[in-house]
Amino acid sequence: MPGREVLPSTLRRSPAKAQRTWEKTHDSAVETYGEGERAHRTAFAAVKNEFEKVGDHWESKGRKGPSDRQAAGGGPERRAPTAGGVDANATKDHLMTVARKLDVPGRSRMNKPELVKAIQKANNQKTAKARGR
């Protein structure tokens, strides 16, 4: 199934470049692995290399590179928890900016891992709201 037809809603609300990245990677992964979870994981990994999830959409990170420990390690045999699209490798200042944008309560007292979790929670809430849940 072409990537355009199965484009996740968070990417539909994102920049065209993020959409193209997901679509092209998804279509290539479908040719290699077949349709399914692996193709979707591969496409999201490509998106996370250049974008981070902020609320209910993806925004450019301004740099390329892995967004969390799982992305840096790669491969299904090296499973590690993901940060759900949050750029966990970003600086604390950047995470504070994102938390401020999402109006995360208590952000000024949080350390970096707490900020990542709080941003991930805020992202999930905003995505659910955007999907009408």
Protein backbone atom coordinates (compact mmCIF):
# COMPACT_ATOMS: atom_id res chain seq x y z
CA MET A 1 0.00 0.00 0.00
CA PRO A 2 1.48 3.37 -0.96
CA GLY A 3 2.77 5.45 1.94
CA ARG A 4 0.44 8.33 1.07
CA GLU A 5 -2.59 6.12 1.78
CA VAL A 6 -1.40 5.03 5.23
CA LEU A 7 0.20 8.31 6.31
CA PRO A 8 -0.33 8.70 10.09
CA SER A 9 -2.45 11.65 11.20
CA THR A 10 0.44 13.25 13.10
CA LEU A 11 2.35 13.42 9.82
CA ARG A 12 -0.66 14.78 7.93
CA ARG A 13 -0.40 17.82 10.23
CA SER A 14 3.37 18.12 9.66
CA PRO A 15 5.62 19.80 7.08
CA ALA A 16 5.64 18.40 3.54
CA LYS A 17 9.25 17.27 3.94
CA ALA A 18 8.34 15.07 6.93
CA GLN A 19 5.49 13.58 4.91
CA ARG A 20 7.75 12.87 1.92
CA THR A 21 10.38 11.31 4.17
CA TRP A 22 7.82 8.96 5.71
CA GLU A 23 6.19 8.08 2.37
CA LYS A 24 9.43 7.34 0.50
CA THR A 25 10.90 5.32 3.36
CA HIS A 26 7.64 3.44 3.92
CA ASP A 27 7.31 2.52 0.24
CA SER A 28 10.91 1.34 0.09
CA ALA A 29 10.50 -0.67 3.30
CA VAL A 30 7.33 -2.30 1.95
CA GLU A 31 9.31 -3.49 -1.08
CA THR A 32 11.96 -4.92 1.23
CA TYR A 33 9.97 -6.25 4.20
CA GLY A 34 6.35 -6.27 3.04
CA GLU A 35 3.47 -4.19 4.40
CA GLY A 36 3.16 -4.07 8.15
CA GLU A 37 4.71 -2.99 11.41
CA ARG A 38 8.32 -3.26 10.25
CA ALA A 39 7.72 -0.92 7.30
CA HIS A 40 6.02 1.58 9.60
CA ARG A 41 8.83 1.40 12.20
CA THR A 42 11.39 1.94 9.47
CA ALA A 43 9.51 4.97 8.12
CA PHE A 44 9.17 6.51 11.58
CA ALA A 45 12.89 5.95 12.23
CA ALA A 46 13.66 7.99 9.11
CA VAL A 47 11.33 10.78 10.24
CA LYS A 48 12.84 10.83 13.75
CA ASN A 49 16.28 11.33 12.21
CA GLU A 50 15.32 14.87 11.10
CA PHE A 51 12.11 15.69 12.99
CA GLU A 52 10.77 15.60 16.53
CA LYS A 53 7.20 15.25 17.69
CA VAL A 54 5.82 18.44 19.23
CA GLY A 55 2.22 18.13 20.32
CA ASP A 56 0.16 16.58 17.55
CA HIS A 57 2.65 17.04 14.69
CA TRP A 58 6.33 16.77 13.75
CA GLU A 59 8.75 19.72 13.54
CA SER A 60 12.27 19.92 12.14
CA LYS A 61 15.01 19.32 14.70
CA GLY A 62 17.37 21.58 12.79
CA ARG A 63 19.95 18.79 12.78
CA LYS A 64 20.12 15.21 11.62
CA GLY A 65 20.78 12.33 13.94
CA PRO A 66 19.24 9.80 16.28
CA SER A 67 16.59 11.07 18.66
CA ASP A 68 17.01 8.53 21.45
CA ARG A 69 18.96 5.49 22.61
CA GLN A 70 16.91 3.07 20.51
CA ALA A 71 17.47 5.10 17.35
CA ALA A 72 21.21 5.21 18.00
CA GLY A 73 21.43 1.43 18.56
CA GLY A 74 19.06 0.36 15.81
CA GLY A 75 17.79 -3.03 14.81
CA PRO A 76 14.98 -5.09 16.31
CA GLU A 77 17.39 -7.28 18.28
CA ARG A 78 18.62 -4.25 20.24
CA ARG A 79 15.27 -3.07 21.58
CA ALA A 80 15.45 -0.19 24.01
CA PRO A 81 12.68 2.15 25.14
CA THR A 82 11.97 4.93 22.67
CA ALA A 83 11.13 8.51 23.53
CA GLY A 84 8.06 8.45 21.28
CA GLY A 85 9.33 11.07 18.88
CA VAL A 86 10.79 13.36 21.54
CA ASP A 87 14.38 14.32 20.74
CA ALA A 88 15.85 12.88 23.95
CA ASN A 89 19.36 13.67 22.69
CA ALA A 90 18.59 17.40 22.52
CA THR A 91 19.93 19.82 25.08
CA LYS A 92 17.98 20.53 28.24
CA ASP A 93 17.47 24.10 26.99
CA HIS A 94 15.82 22.78 23.83
CA LEU A 95 13.62 20.41 25.84
CA MET A 96 12.61 23.32 28.09
CA THR A 97 11.61 25.31 24.99
CA VAL A 98 9.46 22.44 23.74
CA ALA A 99 7.94 21.94 27.22
CA ARG A 100 7.15 25.66 27.38
CA LYS A 101 5.51 25.49 23.94
CA LEU A 102 3.37 22.56 25.17
CA ASP A 103 2.69 24.31 28.52
CA VAL A 104 4.03 21.38 30.58
CA PRO A 105 3.36 22.14 34.25
CA GLY A 106 6.35 21.99 36.65
CA ARG A 107 8.88 22.01 33.81
CA SER A 108 11.27 24.39 35.58
CA ARG A 109 11.90 21.82 38.32
CA MET A 110 12.40 18.86 35.99
CA ASN A 111 15.66 17.21 35.02
CA LYS A 112 16.28 16.10 31.44
CA PRO A 113 14.75 12.57 31.67
CA GLU A 114 11.68 14.01 33.42
CA LEU A 115 11.29 16.62 30.67
CA VAL A 116 11.44 13.91 27.99
CA LYS A 117 8.68 11.92 29.73
CA ALA A 118 6.55 15.00 30.34
CA ILE A 119 6.87 16.12 26.70
CA GLN A 120 6.02 12.61 25.53
CA LYS A 121 2.89 12.65 27.73
CA ALA A 122 1.86 16.10 26.45
CA ASN A 123 2.43 14.95 22.86
CA ASN A 124 0.23 11.90 23.41
CA GLN A 125 -2.54 14.04 24.92
CA LYS A 126 -2.46 16.56 22.08
CA THR A 127 -2.44 13.79 19.47
CA ALA A 128 -5.43 12.07 21.11
CA LYS A 129 -7.30 15.38 21.23
CA ALA A 130 -6.51 16.07 17.56
CA ARG A 131 -7.85 12.62 16.67
CA GLY A 132 -11.07 13.38 18.56
CA ARG A 133 -10.49 11.04 21.50
